[in-house]
Amino acid sequence: RVALVGLSAGGAGALQAALHSPPARFRGLVLVSGAFPQLERVEPLRHTRVFVLHGIDDPRCPSDRAQRMAEWMRGQGLQVDVRFEEG
C-alpha cells in the first residue's frame, strides 16, 4: 500500500482520491499546507492515517481552517496527526 501526498490544492485532490478509492487502499494521506474541500463524509478513510503539515502563517490556506478540519476528522473517528510550522 502507498501513501498519497498533496501540496496546497493538491491536498484537496489527494483527499478526494482517497475518499473515492476502496477503503484501506492507502496506508496514509499527507496534506501539506492543504486546501481542504468541504466534506460531508470520511468513512472510507477510517483505516488510513492522516498527517496534516501546515504553516502557521500560510496566507493562502489559513492554519485555523486546517486545525478545524483536523479536529472534525478526528471527531469522525479518523486517526489524524497535525504539525504546524512557523515561517
PDB file of N, CA and C in Angstrom:
ATOM      1  N   ARG A   1       0.838  -1.188   0.000  1.00  0.00           N
ATOM      2  CA  ARG A   1       0.000   0.000   0.000  1.00  0.00           C
ATOM      3  C   ARG A   1       0.871   1.235   0.000  1.00  0.00           C
ATOM      4  N   VAL A   2       0.335   2.316  -0.514  1.00  0.00           N
ATOM      5  CA  VAL A   2       1.078   3.560  -0.645  1.00  0.00           C
ATOM      6  C   VAL A   2       0.381   4.672   0.122  1.00  0.00           C
ATOM      7  N   ALA A   3       1.095   5.761   0.278  1.00  0.00           N
ATOM      8  CA  ALA A   3       0.522   6.959   0.885  1.00  0.00           C
ATOM      9  C   ALA A   3       0.335   8.006  -0.200  1.00  0.00           C
ATOM     10  N   LEU A   4      -0.725   8.753  -0.115  1.00  0.00           N
ATOM     11  CA  LEU A   4      -0.951   9.883  -1.016  1.00  0.00           C
ATOM     12  C   LEU A   4      -0.446  11.142  -0.332  1.00  0.00           C
ATOM     13  N   VAL A   5       0.194  12.004  -1.097  1.00  0.00           N
ATOM     14  CA  VAL A   5       0.678  13.277  -0.571  1.00  0.00           C
ATOM     15  C   VAL A   5       0.176  14.377  -1.488  1.00  0.00           C
ATOM     16  N   GLY A   6      -0.374  15.417  -0.888  1.00  0.00           N
ATOM     17  CA  GLY A   6      -0.845  16.540  -1.668  1.00  0.00           C
ATOM     18  C   GLY A   6      -0.373  17.851  -1.073  1.00  0.00           C
ATOM     19  N   LEU A   7       0.103  18.743  -1.929  1.00  0.00           N
ATOM     20  CA  LEU A   7       0.575  20.061  -1.527  1.00  0.00           C
ATOM     21  C   LEU A   7      -0.422  21.112  -1.978  1.00  0.00           C
ATOM     22  N   SER A   8      -0.860  21.972  -1.085  1.00  0.00           N
ATOM     23  CA  SER A   8      -1.782  23.064  -1.358  1.00  0.00           C
ATOM     24  C   SER A   8      -3.067  22.511  -1.988  1.00  0.00           C
ATOM     25  N   ALA A   9      -3.435  22.952  -3.190  1.00  0.00           N
ATOM     26  CA  ALA A   9      -4.655  22.453  -3.829  1.00  0.00           C
ATOM     27  C   ALA A   9      -4.552  20.957  -4.109  1.00  0.00           C
ATOM     28  N   GLY A  10      -3.332  20.451  -4.220  1.00  0.00           N
ATOM     29  CA  GLY A  10      -3.140  19.013  -4.390  1.00  0.00           C
ATOM     30  C   GLY A  10      -3.586  18.230  -3.169  1.00  0.00           C
ATOM     31  N   GLY A  11      -3.619  18.892  -2.004  1.00  0.00           N
ATOM     32  CA  GLY A  11      -4.142  18.250  -0.804  1.00  0.00           C
ATOM     33  C   GLY A  11      -5.610  17.899  -0.964  1.00  0.00           C
ATOM     34  N   ALA A  12      -6.364  18.818  -1.546  1.00  0.00           N
ATOM     35  CA  ALA A  12      -7.780  18.559  -1.798  1.00  0.00           C
ATOM     36  C   ALA A  12      -7.933  17.409  -2.792  1.00  0.00           C
ATOM     37  N   GLY A  13      -7.078  17.383  -3.804  1.00  0.00           N
ATOM     38  CA  GLY A  13      -7.126  16.298  -4.782  1.00  0.00           C
ATOM     39  C   GLY A  13      -6.769  14.952  -4.169  1.00  0.00           C
ATOM     40  N   ALA A  14      -5.738  14.928  -3.337  1.00  0.00           N
ATOM     41  CA  ALA A  14      -5.345  13.682  -2.669  1.00  0.00           C
ATOM     42  C   ALA A  14      -6.449  13.203  -1.743  1.00  0.00           C
ATOM     43  N   LEU A  15      -7.056  14.137  -1.027  1.00  0.00           N
ATOM     44  CA  LEU A  15      -8.140  13.790  -0.118  1.00  0.00           C
ATOM     45  C   LEU A  15      -9.327  13.205  -0.882  1.00  0.00           C
ATOM     46  N   GLN A  16      -9.695  13.832  -1.988  1.00  0.00           N
ATOM     47  CA  GLN A  16     -10.811  13.321  -2.792  1.00  0.00           C
ATOM     48  C   GLN A  16     -10.477  11.951  -3.402  1.00  0.00           C
ATOM     49  N   ALA A  17      -9.237  11.775  -3.858  1.00  0.00           N
ATOM     50  CA  ALA A  17      -8.832  10.482  -4.429  1.00  0.00           C
ATOM     51  C   ALA A  17      -8.933   9.384  -3.373  1.00  0.00           C
ATOM     52  N   ALA A  18      -8.482   9.673  -2.160  1.00  0.00           N
ATOM     53  CA  ALA A  18      -8.548   8.684  -1.088  1.00  0.00           C
ATOM     54  C   ALA A  18      -9.999   8.368  -0.721  1.00  0.00           C
ATOM     55  N   LEU A  19     -10.850   9.385  -0.714  1.00  0.00           N
ATOM     56  CA  LEU A  19     -12.255   9.174  -0.371  1.00  0.00           C
ATOM     57  C   LEU A  19     -12.990   8.335  -1.405  1.00  0.00           C
ATOM     58  N   HIS A  20     -12.553   8.403  -2.656  1.00  0.00           N
ATOM     59  CA  HIS A  20     -13.240   7.683  -3.729  1.00  0.00           C
ATOM     60  C   HIS A  20     -12.542   6.384  -4.109  1.00  0.00           C
ATOM     61  N   SER A  21     -11.636   5.917  -3.286  1.00  0.00           N
ATOM     62  CA  SER A  21     -10.948   4.647  -3.501  1.00  0.00           C
ATOM     63  C   SER A  21     -11.514   3.622  -2.528  1.00  0.00           C
ATOM     64  N   PRO A  22     -11.254   2.354  -2.792  1.00  0.00           N
ATOM     65  CA  PRO A  22     -11.725   1.339  -1.837  1.00  0.00           C
ATOM     66  C   PRO A  22     -11.156   1.607  -0.442  1.00  0.00           C
ATOM     67  N   PRO A  23     -11.937   1.344   0.603  1.00  0.00           N
ATOM     68  CA  PRO A  23     -11.450   1.564   1.974  1.00  0.00           C
ATOM     69  C   PRO A  23     -10.122   0.851   2.228  1.00  0.00           C
ATOM     70  N   ALA A  24      -9.262   1.506   2.974  1.00  0.00           N
ATOM     71  CA  ALA A  24      -7.949   0.971   3.388  1.00  0.00           C
ATOM     72  C   ALA A  24      -7.007   0.731   2.218  1.00  0.00           C
ATOM     73  N   ARG A  25      -7.282   1.314   1.060  1.00  0.00           N
ATOM     74  CA  ARG A  25      -6.376   1.132  -0.083  1.00  0.00           C
ATOM     75  C   ARG A  25      -5.048   1.842   0.148  1.00  0.00           C
ATOM     76  N   PHE A  26      -5.102   3.008   0.782  1.00  0.00           N
ATOM     77  CA  PHE A  26      -3.901   3.794   1.012  1.00  0.00           C
ATOM     78  C   PHE A  26      -3.483   3.685   2.469  1.00  0.00           C
ATOM     79  N   ARG A  27      -2.213   3.518   2.680  1.00  0.00           N
ATOM     80  CA  ARG A  27      -1.670   3.412   4.041  1.00  0.00           C
ATOM     81  C   ARG A  27      -1.764   4.750   4.767  1.00  0.00           C
ATOM     82  N   GLY A  28      -1.550   5.834   4.036  1.00  0.00           N
ATOM     83  CA  GLY A  28      -1.579   7.137   4.662  1.00  0.00           C
ATOM     84  C   GLY A  28      -1.964   8.223   3.683  1.00  0.00           C
ATOM     85  N   LEU A  29      -2.321   9.348   4.245  1.00  0.00           N
ATOM     86  CA  LEU A  29      -2.672  10.534   3.480  1.00  0.00           C
ATOM     87  C   LEU A  29      -1.959  11.702   4.141  1.00  0.00           C
ATOM     88  N   VAL A  30      -1.138  12.414   3.376  1.00  0.00           N
ATOM     89  CA  VAL A  30      -0.367  13.536   3.904  1.00  0.00           C
ATOM     90  C   VAL A  30      -0.826  14.801   3.185  1.00  0.00           C
ATOM     91  N   LEU A  31      -1.246  15.784   3.965  1.00  0.00           N
ATOM     92  CA  LEU A  31      -1.722  17.048   3.414  1.00  0.00           C
ATOM     93  C   LEU A  31      -0.760  18.141   3.853  1.00  0.00           C
ATOM     94  N   VAL A  32      -0.014  18.690   2.896  1.00  0.00           N
ATOM     95  CA  VAL A  32       0.994  19.707   3.179  1.00  0.00           C
ATOM     96  C   VAL A  32       0.430  21.062   2.777  1.00  0.00           C
ATOM     97  N   SER A  33       0.165  21.905   3.777  1.00  0.00           N
ATOM     98  CA  SER A  33      -0.483  23.202   3.541  1.00  0.00           C
ATOM     99  C   SER A  33      -1.679  23.027   2.616  1.00  0.00           C
ATOM    100  N   GLY A  34      -2.465  22.023   2.933  1.00  0.00           N
ATOM    101  CA  GLY A  34      -3.568  21.638   2.064  1.00  0.00           C
ATOM    102  C   GLY A  34      -4.730  22.594   2.067  1.00  0.00           C
ATOM    103  N   ALA A  35      -5.337  22.705   0.893  1.00  0.00           N
ATOM    104  CA  ALA A  35      -6.606  23.415   0.747  1.00  0.00           C
ATOM    105  C   ALA A  35      -7.678  22.352   0.965  1.00  0.00           C
ATOM    106  N   PHE A  36      -8.480  22.508   2.001  1.00  0.00           N
ATOM    107  CA  PHE A  36      -9.445  21.484   2.352  1.00  0.00           C
ATOM    108  C   PHE A  36     -10.787  21.752   1.703  1.00  0.00           C
ATOM    109  N   PRO A  37     -11.310  20.773   0.972  1.00  0.00           N
ATOM    110  CA  PRO A  37     -12.648  20.929   0.409  1.00  0.00           C
ATOM    111  C   PRO A  37     -13.695  20.739   1.503  1.00  0.00           C
ATOM    112  N   GLN A  38     -14.899  21.147   1.231  1.00  0.00           N
ATOM    113  CA  GLN A  38     -15.995  20.911   2.162  1.00  0.00           C
ATOM    114  C   GLN A  38     -16.302  19.420   2.140  1.00  0.00           C
ATOM    115  N   LEU A  39     -16.281  18.781   3.284  1.00  0.00           N
ATOM    116  CA  LEU A  39     -16.519  17.342   3.360  1.00  0.00           C
ATOM    117  C   LEU A  39     -17.792  17.051   4.139  1.00  0.00           C
ATOM    118  N   GLU A  40     -18.495  16.022   3.703  1.00  0.00           N
ATOM    119  CA  GLU A  40     -19.671  15.575   4.439  1.00  0.00           C
ATOM    120  C   GLU A  40     -19.444  14.215   5.062  1.00  0.00           C
ATOM    121  N   ARG A  41     -18.537  13.428   4.476  1.00  0.00           N
ATOM    122  CA  ARG A  41     -18.287  12.089   4.999  1.00  0.00           C
ATOM    123  C   ARG A  41     -16.820  11.744   4.816  1.00  0.00           C
ATOM    124  N   VAL A  42     -16.316  10.939   5.725  1.00  0.00           N
ATOM    125  CA  VAL A  42     -14.920  10.497   5.636  1.00  0.00           C
ATOM    126  C   VAL A  42     -14.776   9.020   5.991  1.00  0.00           C
ATOM    127  N   GLU A  43     -15.883   8.283   6.018  1.00  0.00           N
ATOM    128  CA  GLU A  43     -15.845   6.877   6.404  1.00  0.00           C
ATOM    129  C   GLU A  43     -14.806   6.054   5.653  1.00  0.00           C
ATOM    130  N   PRO A  44     -14.599   6.260   4.343  1.00  0.00           N
ATOM    131  CA  PRO A  44     -13.598   5.446   3.638  1.00  0.00           C
ATOM    132  C   PRO A  44     -12.174   5.612   4.185  1.00  0.00           C
ATOM    133  N   LEU A  45     -11.930   6.652   4.971  1.00  0.00           N
ATOM    134  CA  LEU A  45     -10.580   6.904   5.492  1.00  0.00           C
ATOM    135  C   LEU A  45     -10.374   6.380   6.911  1.00  0.00           C
ATOM    136  N   ARG A  46     -11.306   5.641   7.454  1.00  0.00           N
ATOM    137  CA  ARG A  46     -11.195   5.192   8.844  1.00  0.00           C
ATOM    138  C   ARG A  46      -9.967   4.335   9.115  1.00  0.00           C
ATOM    139  N   HIS A  47      -9.429   3.683   8.104  1.00  0.00           N
ATOM    140  CA  HIS A  47      -8.244   2.839   8.292  1.00  0.00           C
ATOM    141  C   HIS A  47      -7.008   3.447   7.633  1.00  0.00           C
ATOM    142  N   THR A  48      -7.067   4.738   7.362  1.00  0.00           N
ATOM    143  CA  THR A  48      -5.959   5.451   6.732  1.00  0.00           C
ATOM    144  C   THR A  48      -5.440   6.504   7.708  1.00  0.00           C
ATOM    145  N   ARG A  49      -4.140   6.496   7.953  1.00  0.00           N
ATOM    146  CA  ARG A  49      -3.560   7.534   8.811  1.00  0.00           C
ATOM    147  C   ARG A  49      -3.482   8.830   8.032  1.00  0.00           C
ATOM    148  N   VAL A  50      -3.859   9.917   8.664  1.00  0.00           N
ATOM    149  CA  VAL A  50      -3.843  11.232   8.031  1.00  0.00           C
ATOM    150  C   VAL A  50      -2.844  12.106   8.782  1.00  0.00           C
ATOM    151  N   PHE A  51      -1.958  12.749   8.024  1.00  0.00           N
ATOM    152  CA  PHE A  51      -0.986  13.664   8.618  1.00  0.00           C
ATOM    153  C   PHE A  51      -1.157  15.018   7.958  1.00  0.00           C
ATOM    154  N   VAL A  52      -1.386  16.038   8.770  1.00  0.00           N
ATOM    155  CA  VAL A  52      -1.553  17.408   8.286  1.00  0.00           C
ATOM    156  C   VAL A  52      -0.320  18.202   8.702  1.00  0.00           C
ATOM    157  N   LEU A  53       0.402  18.718   7.726  1.00  0.00           N
ATOM    158  CA  LEU A  53       1.556  19.585   7.959  1.00  0.00           C
ATOM    159  C   LEU A  53       1.205  20.940   7.374  1.00  0.00           C
ATOM    160  N   HIS A  54       1.240  21.973   8.209  1.00  0.00           N
ATOM    161  CA  HIS A  54       0.736  23.263   7.752  1.00  0.00           C
ATOM    162  C   HIS A  54       1.566  24.402   8.324  1.00  0.00           C
ATOM    163  N   GLY A  55       1.750  25.443   7.538  1.00  0.00           N
ATOM    164  CA  GLY A  55       2.437  26.643   8.009  1.00  0.00           C
ATOM    165  C   GLY A  55       1.490  27.523   8.801  1.00  0.00           C
ATOM    166  N   ILE A  56       1.928  27.989   9.947  1.00  0.00           N
ATOM    167  CA  ILE A  56       1.077  28.824  10.798  1.00  0.00           C
ATOM    168  C   ILE A  56       0.650  30.104  10.076  1.00  0.00           C
ATOM    169  N   ASP A  57       1.566  30.693   9.313  1.00  0.00           N
ATOM    170  CA  ASP A  57       1.284  31.974   8.655  1.00  0.00           C
ATOM    171  C   ASP A  57       0.951  31.820   7.169  1.00  0.00           C
ATOM    172  N   ASP A  58       0.458  30.676   6.769  1.00  0.00           N
ATOM    173  CA  ASP A  58       0.129  30.432   5.359  1.00  0.00           C
ATOM    174  C   ASP A  58      -0.946  31.428   4.915  1.00  0.00           C
ATOM    175  N   PRO A  59      -0.636  32.313   3.945  1.00  0.00           N
ATOM    176  CA  PRO A  59      -1.605  33.328   3.536  1.00  0.00           C
ATOM    177  C   PRO A  59      -2.716  32.793   2.626  1.00  0.00           C
ATOM    178  N   ARG A  60      -2.503  31.654   1.993  1.00  0.00           N
ATOM    179  CA  ARG A  60      -3.499  31.128   1.052  1.00  0.00           C
ATOM    180  C   ARG A  60      -4.443  30.116   1.682  1.00  0.00           C
ATOM    181  N   CYS A  61      -3.913  29.321   2.577  1.00  0.00           N
ATOM    182  CA  CYS A  61      -4.712  28.303   3.263  1.00  0.00           C
ATOM    183  C   CYS A  61      -4.536  28.529   4.756  1.00  0.00           C
ATOM    184  N   PRO A  62      -5.427  29.266   5.393  1.00  0.00           N
ATOM    185  CA  PRO A  62      -5.251  29.612   6.804  1.00  0.00           C
ATOM    186  C   PRO A  62      -5.115  28.390   7.711  1.00  0.00           C
ATOM    187  N   SER A  63      -4.208  28.497   8.661  1.00  0.00           N
ATOM    188  CA  SER A  63      -3.941  27.374   9.555  1.00  0.00           C
ATOM    189  C   SER A  63      -5.136  27.061  10.461  1.00  0.00           C
ATOM    190  N   ASP A  64      -5.954  28.060  10.783  1.00  0.00           N
ATOM    191  CA  ASP A  64      -7.111  27.773  11.629  1.00  0.00           C
ATOM    192  C   ASP A  64      -8.102  26.863  10.921  1.00  0.00           C
ATOM    193  N   ARG A  65      -8.206  26.990   9.610  1.00  0.00           N
ATOM    194  CA  ARG A  65      -9.079  26.079   8.844  1.00  0.00           C
ATOM    195  C   ARG A  65      -8.516  24.666   8.875  1.00  0.00           C
ATOM    196  N   ALA A  66      -7.215  24.532   8.737  1.00  0.00           N
ATOM    197  CA  ALA A  66      -6.589  23.211   8.808  1.00  0.00           C
ATOM    198  C   ALA A  66      -6.826  22.585  10.179  1.00  0.00           C
ATOM    199  N   GLN A  67      -6.718  23.382  11.228  1.00  0.00           N
ATOM    200  CA  GLN A  67      -6.939  22.871  12.582  1.00  0.00           C
ATOM    201  C   GLN A  67      -8.386  22.426  12.767  1.00  0.00           C
ATOM    202  N   ARG A  68      -9.329  23.228  12.312  1.00  0.00           N
ATOM    203  CA  ARG A  68     -10.745  22.860  12.427  1.00  0.00           C
ATOM    204  C   ARG A  68     -11.058  21.589  11.653  1.00  0.00           C
ATOM    205  N   MET A  69     -10.481  21.468  10.452  1.00  0.00           N
ATOM    206  CA  MET A  69     -10.720  20.284   9.636  1.00  0.00           C
ATOM    207  C   MET A  69     -10.138  19.041  10.310  1.00  0.00           C
ATOM    208  N   ALA A  70      -8.938  19.157  10.854  1.00  0.00           N
ATOM    209  CA  ALA A  70      -8.314  18.025  11.540  1.00  0.00           C
ATOM    210  C   ALA A  70      -9.160  17.601  12.740  1.00  0.00           C
ATOM    211  N   GLU A  71      -9.658  18.555  13.500  1.00  0.00           N
ATOM    212  CA  GLU A  71     -10.491  18.245  14.659  1.00  0.00           C
ATOM    213  C   GLU A  71     -11.797  17.588  14.228  1.00  0.00           C
ATOM    214  N   TRP A  72     -12.384  18.081  13.148  1.00  0.00           N
ATOM    215  CA  TRP A  72     -13.613  17.486  12.642  1.00  0.00           C
ATOM    216  C   TRP A  72     -13.364  16.044  12.200  1.00  0.00           C
ATOM    217  N   MET A  73     -12.258  15.808  11.480  1.00  0.00           N
ATOM    218  CA  MET A  73     -11.950  14.445  11.032  1.00  0.00           C
ATOM    219  C   MET A  73     -11.721  13.521  12.225  1.00  0.00           C
ATOM    220  N   ARG A  74     -11.048  14.001  13.259  1.00  0.00           N
ATOM    221  CA  ARG A  74     -10.878  13.194  14.480  1.00  0.00           C
ATOM    222  C   ARG A  74     -12.234  12.851  15.085  1.00  0.00           C
ATOM    223  N   GLY A  75     -13.122  13.817  15.095  1.00  0.00           N
ATOM    224  CA  GLY A  75     -14.462  13.590  15.626  1.00  0.00           C
ATOM    225  C   GLY A  75     -15.245  12.558  14.839  1.00  0.00           C
ATOM    226  N   GLN A  76     -14.840  12.345  13.588  1.00  0.00           N
ATOM    227  CA  GLN A  76     -15.474  11.337  12.738  1.00  0.00           C
ATOM    228  C   GLN A  76     -14.800   9.970  12.881  1.00  0.00           C
ATOM    229  N   GLY A  77     -13.817   9.883  13.781  1.00  0.00           N
ATOM    230  CA  GLY A  77     -13.167   8.607  14.046  1.00  0.00           C
ATOM    231  C   GLY A  77     -11.877   8.358  13.289  1.00  0.00           C
ATOM    232  N   LEU A  78     -11.342   9.377  12.610  1.00  0.00           N
ATOM    233  CA  LEU A  78     -10.095   9.198  11.870  1.00  0.00           C
ATOM    234  C   LEU A  78      -8.891   9.420  12.764  1.00  0.00           C
ATOM    235  N   GLN A  79      -7.801   8.756  12.424  1.00  0.00           N
ATOM    236  CA  GLN A  79      -6.531   8.973  13.120  1.00  0.00           C
ATOM    237  C   GLN A  79      -5.812  10.095  12.387  1.00  0.00           C
ATOM    238  N   VAL A  80      -5.739  11.273  13.003  1.00  0.00           N
ATOM    239  CA  VAL A  80      -5.173  12.457  12.368  1.00  0.00           C
ATOM    240  C   VAL A  80      -4.075  13.040  13.250  1.00  0.00           C
ATOM    241  N   ASP A  81      -2.882  13.182  12.682  1.00  0.00           N
ATOM    242  CA  ASP A  81      -1.781  13.865  13.349  1.00  0.00           C
ATOM    243  C   ASP A  81      -1.596  15.205  12.674  1.00  0.00           C
ATOM    244  N   VAL A  82      -1.338  16.238  13.470  1.00  0.00           N
ATOM    245  CA  VAL A  82      -1.182  17.599  12.943  1.00  0.00           C
ATOM    246  C   VAL A  82       0.136  18.185  13.438  1.00  0.00           C
ATOM    247  N   ARG A  83       0.800  18.888  12.529  1.00  0.00           N
ATOM    248  CA  ARG A  83       2.009  19.603  12.909  1.00  0.00           C
ATOM    249  C   ARG A  83       1.985  20.965  12.212  1.00  0.00           C
ATOM    250  N   PHE A  84       2.133  22.010  13.011  1.00  0.00           N
ATOM    251  CA  PHE A  84       2.187  23.353  12.465  1.00  0.00           C
ATOM    252  C   PHE A  84       3.612  23.860  12.555  1.00  0.00           C
ATOM    253  N   GLU A  85       4.065  24.472  11.483  1.00  0.00           N
ATOM    254  CA  GLU A  85       5.413  25.013  11.405  1.00  0.00           C
ATOM    255  C   GLU A  85       5.347  26.531  11.247  1.00  0.00           C
ATOM    256  N   GLU A  86       6.288  27.221  11.856  1.00  0.00           N
ATOM    257  CA  GLU A  86       6.373  28.670  11.674  1.00  0.00           C
ATOM    258  C   GLU A  86       7.145  28.980  10.408  1.00  0.00           C
ATOM    259  N   GLY A  87       6.797  30.110   9.818  1.00  0.00           N
ATOM    260  CA  GLY A  87       7.537  30.558   8.649  1.00  0.00           C
ATOM    261  C   GLY A  87       6.856  30.301   7.364  1.00  0.00           C
TER     262      GLY A  87
END
